[in-house]
C-alpha atoms as a PDB file:
ATOM      1  CA  MET A   1       0.000   0.000   0.000  1.00  0.00           C
ATOM      2  CA  SER A   2       1.375   3.398  -0.908  1.00  0.00           C
ATOM      3  CA  GLN A   3       2.185   5.830   1.886  1.00  0.00           C
ATOM      4  CA  THR A   4      -0.377   8.293   0.521  1.00  0.00           C
ATOM      5  CA  LYS A   5      -3.172   5.723   0.530  1.00  0.00           C
ATOM      6  CA  LYS A   6      -2.223   4.607   4.029  1.00  0.00           C
ATOM      7  CA  SER A   7      -2.217   8.220   5.256  1.00  0.00           C
ATOM      8  CA  ILE A   8      -5.652   8.833   3.749  1.00  0.00           C
ATOM      9  CA  LEU A   9      -7.129   5.720   5.356  1.00  0.00           C
ATOM     10  CA  LEU A  10      -5.575   6.517   8.738  1.00  0.00           C
ATOM     11  CA  ALA A  11      -6.835  10.106   8.572  1.00  0.00           C
ATOM     12  CA  LEU A  12     -10.321   8.974   7.588  1.00  0.00           C
ATOM     13  CA  GLY A  13     -10.379   6.464  10.432  1.00  0.00           C
ATOM     14  CA  LYS A  14      -9.325   9.139  12.890  1.00  0.00           C
ATOM     15  CA  LEU A  15     -12.103  11.468  11.728  1.00  0.00           C
ATOM     16  CA  ILE A  16     -14.759   8.760  11.968  1.00  0.00           C
ATOM     17  CA  LYS A  17     -13.606   7.784  15.444  1.00  0.00           C
ATOM     18  CA  GLN A  18     -13.633  11.435  16.573  1.00  0.00           C
ATOM     19  CA  LYS A  19     -17.179  11.927  15.277  1.00  0.00           C
ATOM     20  CA  ARG A  20     -18.303   8.662  16.893  1.00  0.00           C
ATOM     21  CA  LYS A  21     -16.828   9.696  20.249  1.00  0.00           C
ATOM     22  CA  ILE A  22     -18.507  13.123  20.042  1.00  0.00           C
ATOM     23  CA  GLU A  23     -21.840  11.345  19.576  1.00  0.00           C
ATOM     24  CA  GLN A  24     -20.931   9.027  22.486  1.00  0.00           C
ATOM     25  CA  LEU A  25     -21.486   5.934  20.380  1.00  0.00           C
ATOM     26  CA  SER A  26     -19.736   2.610  20.648  1.00  0.00           C
ATOM     27  CA  GLN A  27     -18.580   0.915  17.468  1.00  0.00           C
ATOM     28  CA  GLU A  28     -21.428  -1.534  17.932  1.00  0.00           C
ATOM     29  CA  GLN A  29     -23.996   1.253  18.227  1.00  0.00           C
ATOM     30  CA  LEU A  30     -22.622   3.007  15.150  1.00  0.00           C
ATOM     31  CA  GLY A  31     -22.687  -0.296  13.315  1.00  0.00           C
ATOM     32  CA  PHE A  32     -26.355  -0.741  14.162  1.00  0.00           C
ATOM     33  CA  LEU A  33     -27.217   2.815  13.086  1.00  0.00           C
ATOM     34  CA  SER A  34     -25.152   2.451   9.892  1.00  0.00           C
ATOM     35  CA  ASN A  35     -26.191  -1.106   9.022  1.00  0.00           C
ATOM     36  CA  LEU A  36     -22.511  -2.076   9.092  1.00  0.00           C
ATOM     37  CA  ASP A  37     -20.714  -4.672  11.196  1.00  0.00           C
ATOM     38  CA  ARG A  38     -18.796  -3.512  14.264  1.00  0.00           C
ATOM     39  CA  THR A  39     -15.667  -5.247  13.013  1.00  0.00           C
ATOM     40  CA  TYR A  40     -15.907  -3.323   9.727  1.00  0.00           C
ATOM     41  CA  ILE A  41     -16.114  -0.031  11.636  1.00  0.00           C
ATOM     42  CA  SER A  42     -13.121  -1.076  13.710  1.00  0.00           C
ATOM     43  CA  GLY A  43     -11.153  -1.754  10.534  1.00  0.00           C
ATOM     44  CA  VAL A  44     -12.114   1.605   9.048  1.00  0.00           C
ATOM     45  CA  GLU A  45     -11.138   3.439  12.235  1.00  0.00           C
ATOM     46  CA  ARG A  46      -7.756   1.661  12.299  1.00  0.00           C
ATOM     47  CA  GLY A  47      -7.100   2.512   8.649  1.00  0.00           C
ATOM     48  CA  ILE A  48      -6.999  -1.083   7.438  1.00  0.00           C
ATOM     49  CA  ARG A  49     -10.337  -1.018   5.570  1.00  0.00           C
ATOM     50  CA  ASN A  50     -10.996   1.181   2.558  1.00  0.00           C
ATOM     51  CA  PRO A  51     -14.696   2.031   2.783  1.00  0.00           C
ATOM     52  CA  SER A  52     -16.755   2.352  -0.379  1.00  0.00           C
ATOM     53  CA  LEU A  53     -18.793   5.441  -1.119  1.00  0.00           C
ATOM     54  CA  THR A  54     -21.944   3.647   0.008  1.00  0.00           C
ATOM     55  CA  ALA A  55     -20.250   2.698   3.293  1.00  0.00           C
ATOM     56  CA  LEU A  56     -19.243   6.348   3.832  1.00  0.00           C
ATOM     57  CA  VAL A  57     -22.844   7.409   3.220  1.00  0.00           C
ATOM     58  CA  SER A  58     -24.017   4.792   5.737  1.00  0.00           C
ATOM     59  CA  LEU A  59     -21.433   5.881   8.315  1.00  0.00           C
ATOM     60  CA  ALA A  60     -22.338   9.544   7.930  1.00  0.00           C
ATOM     61  CA  SER A  61     -26.008   8.721   8.252  1.00  0.00           C
ATOM     62  CA  GLY A  62     -25.345   6.671  11.384  1.00  0.00           C
ATOM     63  CA  LEU A  63     -23.451   9.627  12.832  1.00  0.00           C
ATOM     64  CA  GLY A  64     -26.294  11.999  11.929  1.00  0.00           C
ATOM     65  CA  ILE A  65     -24.136  14.092   9.593  1.00  0.00           C
ATOM     66  CA  THR A  66     -23.582  14.494   5.872  1.00  0.00           C
ATOM     67  CA  VAL A  67     -20.731  12.888   3.969  1.00  0.00           C
ATOM     68  CA  SER A  68     -19.282  16.344   3.331  1.00  0.00           C
ATOM     69  CA  GLU A  69     -19.260  17.010   7.094  1.00  0.00           C
ATOM     70  CA  LEU A  70     -17.577  13.667   7.670  1.00  0.00           C
ATOM     71  CA  LEU A  71     -14.832  14.404   5.139  1.00  0.00           C
ATOM     72  CA  LYS A  72     -14.507  18.144   5.853  1.00  0.00           C
ATOM     73  CA  ASP A  73     -11.114  17.962   7.585  1.00  0.00           C
ATOM     74  CA  LEU A  74      -9.701  14.976   5.703  1.00  0.00           C
ATOM     75  CA  GLU A  75      -7.028  16.903   3.803  1.00  0.00           C
ATOM     76  CA  ILE A  76      -5.766  18.530   7.003  1.00  0.00           C
ATOM     77  CA  GLU A  77      -5.569  15.157   8.759  1.00  0.00           C
ATOM     78  CA  VAL A  78      -3.776  13.552   5.799  1.00  0.00           C
ATOM     79  CA  THR A  79      -1.197  16.331   5.942  1.00  0.00           C
ATOM     80  CA  ASN A  80      -0.726  15.698   9.667  1.00  0.00           C
ATOM     81  CA  PHE A  81      -0.061  11.988   9.020  1.00  0.00           C
ATOM     82  CA  ASN A  82       2.491  12.841   6.339  1.00  0.00           C
ATOM     83  CA  GLU A  83       4.545  15.129   8.573  1.00  0.00           C
END
């Protein structure tokens, strides 16, 4: 996996975890709300799963936000992982 791809996935996972914590949801609760398995959410948060667009839509919906809100700070986080 290229360093750039790894940085993007790690940054995305960090953002999802932050949003989940703000909503005070466990991975299991977010999985239920998103119709995704808890283990899948764990993999996304750890940067080892590359979620599809439909999975991102489901995650955002489960968090009660839009996809654009979910990805708003992605570029900043990617930059932080590359430093």
